[in-house]
Amino acid sequence: QVQLVESGGGLVQAGGSLRLSCAASGHTSRLSTMGWFRQAPGKEREFVAASRWGGANTYYADSVKGRFTISRDNAKNTVYLQMNGLNAEDTAVYYCAAHPWPVSTAQIMGAGSYDYWGQGTQVTVSS
């Protein structure tokens, strides 16, 4: 079993930055693909960013490209989401997700492709 714990959320002004962290514990040797999703009130959960083992392949939603960066420290079993240039539309609960095997490019943006989820961390951007 795998446990994911997010941290780093909070309240920030528009234009500001936050860095989210997701620490994995348990059978972490089997976390090939890790990603971030978010869910705003009244909206469906949406893909934000993902990374496969080694971090060479990264994927981003169009809405965050150029502003958000996903990275991972495999030695610490931690994945990060650096968020810059935040705006009110980024307000949401952010969830960390992981899958034991490499997820194909065609499926990496789908929430159903991930087996493990964190509890979420709130990000609120004030305008």
Protein backbone atom coordinates (compact mmCIF):
# COMPACT_ATOMS: atom_id res chain seq x y z
CA GLN A 1 0.00 0.00 0.00
CA VAL A 2 1.06 3.59 -0.62
CA GLN A 3 0.23 6.75 1.31
CA LEU A 4 0.52 10.21 -0.21
CA VAL A 5 0.53 13.37 1.93
CA GLU A 6 0.39 16.81 0.35
CA SER A 7 1.56 20.03 1.98
CA GLY A 8 2.36 23.60 1.03
CA GLY A 9 -1.07 24.93 0.20
CA GLY A 10 -2.35 28.23 1.51
CA LEU A 11 -3.58 31.70 0.70
CA VAL A 12 -1.59 33.77 -1.77
CA GLN A 13 -2.20 36.97 -3.70
CA ALA A 14 -2.59 36.94 -7.45
CA GLY A 15 0.80 36.88 -9.13
CA GLY A 16 2.37 35.08 -6.20
CA SER A 17 3.94 31.65 -5.90
CA LEU A 18 3.50 28.48 -3.89
CA ARG A 19 5.35 25.19 -3.80
CA LEU A 20 3.37 22.06 -3.09
CA SER A 21 5.00 18.90 -1.85
CA CYS A 22 3.75 15.32 -1.87
CA ALA A 23 5.54 12.83 0.31
CA ALA A 24 5.02 9.15 -0.42
CA SER A 25 5.37 6.33 2.08
CA GLY A 26 4.78 2.61 1.99
CA HIS A 27 5.63 0.65 -1.16
CA THR A 28 7.21 3.67 -2.76
CA SER A 29 9.54 1.65 -4.93
CA ARG A 30 6.58 1.13 -7.21
CA LEU A 31 5.63 4.72 -7.96
CA SER A 32 6.56 5.13 -11.58
CA THR A 33 4.15 7.89 -12.52
CA MET A 34 3.21 10.76 -10.23
CA GLY A 35 0.94 13.64 -10.95
CA TRP A 36 -1.04 16.58 -9.65
CA PHE A 37 -4.73 17.20 -10.15
CA ARG A 38 -6.99 19.92 -8.83
CA GLN A 39 -10.66 20.40 -8.14
CA ALA A 40 -12.39 23.74 -7.78
CA PRO A 41 -15.81 24.08 -6.13
CA GLY A 42 -18.56 22.89 -8.44
CA LYS A 43 -16.09 21.59 -11.02
CA GLU A 44 -14.70 18.21 -11.94
CA ARG A 45 -11.21 17.15 -10.96
CA GLU A 46 -8.77 18.18 -13.66
CA PHE A 47 -5.24 17.27 -14.61
CA VAL A 48 -2.47 19.72 -13.77
CA ALA A 49 0.90 18.02 -14.29
CA ALA A 50 2.58 14.62 -14.30
CA SER A 51 6.02 13.08 -14.33
CA ARG A 52 7.31 9.59 -15.00
CA TRP A 53 10.17 7.96 -13.07
CA GLY A 54 13.37 9.96 -13.50
CA GLY A 55 11.47 13.11 -14.27
CA ALA A 56 12.64 13.35 -17.87
CA ASN A 57 9.11 13.19 -19.21
CA THR A 58 6.80 15.85 -17.86
CA TYR A 59 3.30 16.81 -18.94
CA TYR A 60 1.22 19.90 -18.20
CA ALA A 61 -2.29 21.13 -18.71
CA ASP A 62 -2.39 24.00 -21.18
CA SER A 63 -3.75 26.29 -18.46
CA VAL A 64 -0.57 25.96 -16.37
CA LYS A 65 2.16 25.60 -18.99
CA GLY A 66 4.94 28.10 -18.44
CA ARG A 67 3.76 28.84 -14.89
CA PHE A 68 3.88 25.50 -13.05
CA THR A 69 6.77 23.06 -12.82
CA ILE A 70 6.60 19.47 -11.59
CA SER A 71 9.72 17.85 -10.19
CA ARG A 72 10.51 14.83 -8.10
CA ASP A 73 13.19 13.71 -5.68
CA ASN A 74 13.13 9.93 -5.89
CA ALA A 75 15.57 9.60 -3.00
CA LYS A 76 13.06 11.39 -0.77
CA ASN A 77 10.01 9.82 -2.41
CA THR A 78 8.65 13.31 -2.91
CA VAL A 79 7.12 15.13 -5.85
CA TYR A 80 6.81 18.90 -5.99
CA LEU A 81 4.68 21.40 -7.85
CA GLN A 82 6.17 24.86 -8.14
CA MET A 83 3.39 27.29 -8.99
CA ASN A 84 4.25 30.79 -10.20
CA GLY A 85 2.10 33.56 -11.56
CA LEU A 86 -0.95 32.31 -9.68
CA ASN A 87 -4.35 33.72 -10.52
CA ALA A 88 -7.86 33.30 -9.14
CA GLU A 89 -8.60 30.48 -11.60
CA ASP A 90 -5.92 28.39 -9.87
CA THR A 91 -7.94 28.32 -6.65
CA ALA A 92 -8.73 24.68 -5.92
CA VAL A 93 -7.92 21.69 -3.78
CA TYR A 94 -4.76 20.15 -5.21
CA TYR A 95 -4.33 16.38 -5.11
CA CYS A 96 -1.22 14.29 -5.54
CA ALA A 97 -1.66 11.00 -7.42
CA ALA A 98 0.57 8.05 -8.19
CA HIS A 99 0.60 4.87 -10.24
CA PRO A 100 2.98 1.91 -9.92
CA TRP A 101 3.70 1.58 -13.63
CA PRO A 102 4.48 4.03 -16.42
CA VAL A 103 1.24 5.54 -17.65
CA SER A 104 1.01 6.02 -21.39
CA THR A 105 1.08 9.52 -22.82
CA ALA A 106 -2.48 9.06 -24.01
CA GLN A 107 -3.71 8.27 -20.51
CA ILE A 108 -1.43 10.29 -18.26
CA MET A 109 -3.93 13.14 -17.99
CA GLY A 110 -6.76 10.89 -16.88
CA ALA A 111 -7.57 10.67 -13.18
CA GLY A 112 -8.62 7.05 -13.66
CA SER A 113 -5.03 6.13 -14.58
CA TYR A 114 -3.81 6.59 -11.01
CA ASP A 115 -4.17 4.10 -8.18
CA TYR A 116 -3.14 6.22 -5.21
CA TRP A 117 -4.34 9.64 -4.07
CA GLY A 118 -3.51 12.07 -1.31
CA GLN A 119 -6.06 13.88 0.82
CA GLY A 120 -5.54 17.20 -0.95
CA THR A 121 -4.27 20.63 0.02
CA GLN A 122 -6.20 23.88 -0.45
CA VAL A 123 -4.76 26.63 -2.62
CA THR A 124 -6.58 29.95 -2.55
CA VAL A 125 -5.53 32.85 -4.74
CA SER A 126 -6.94 36.26 -3.86
CA SER A 127 -7.36 38.82 -6.61
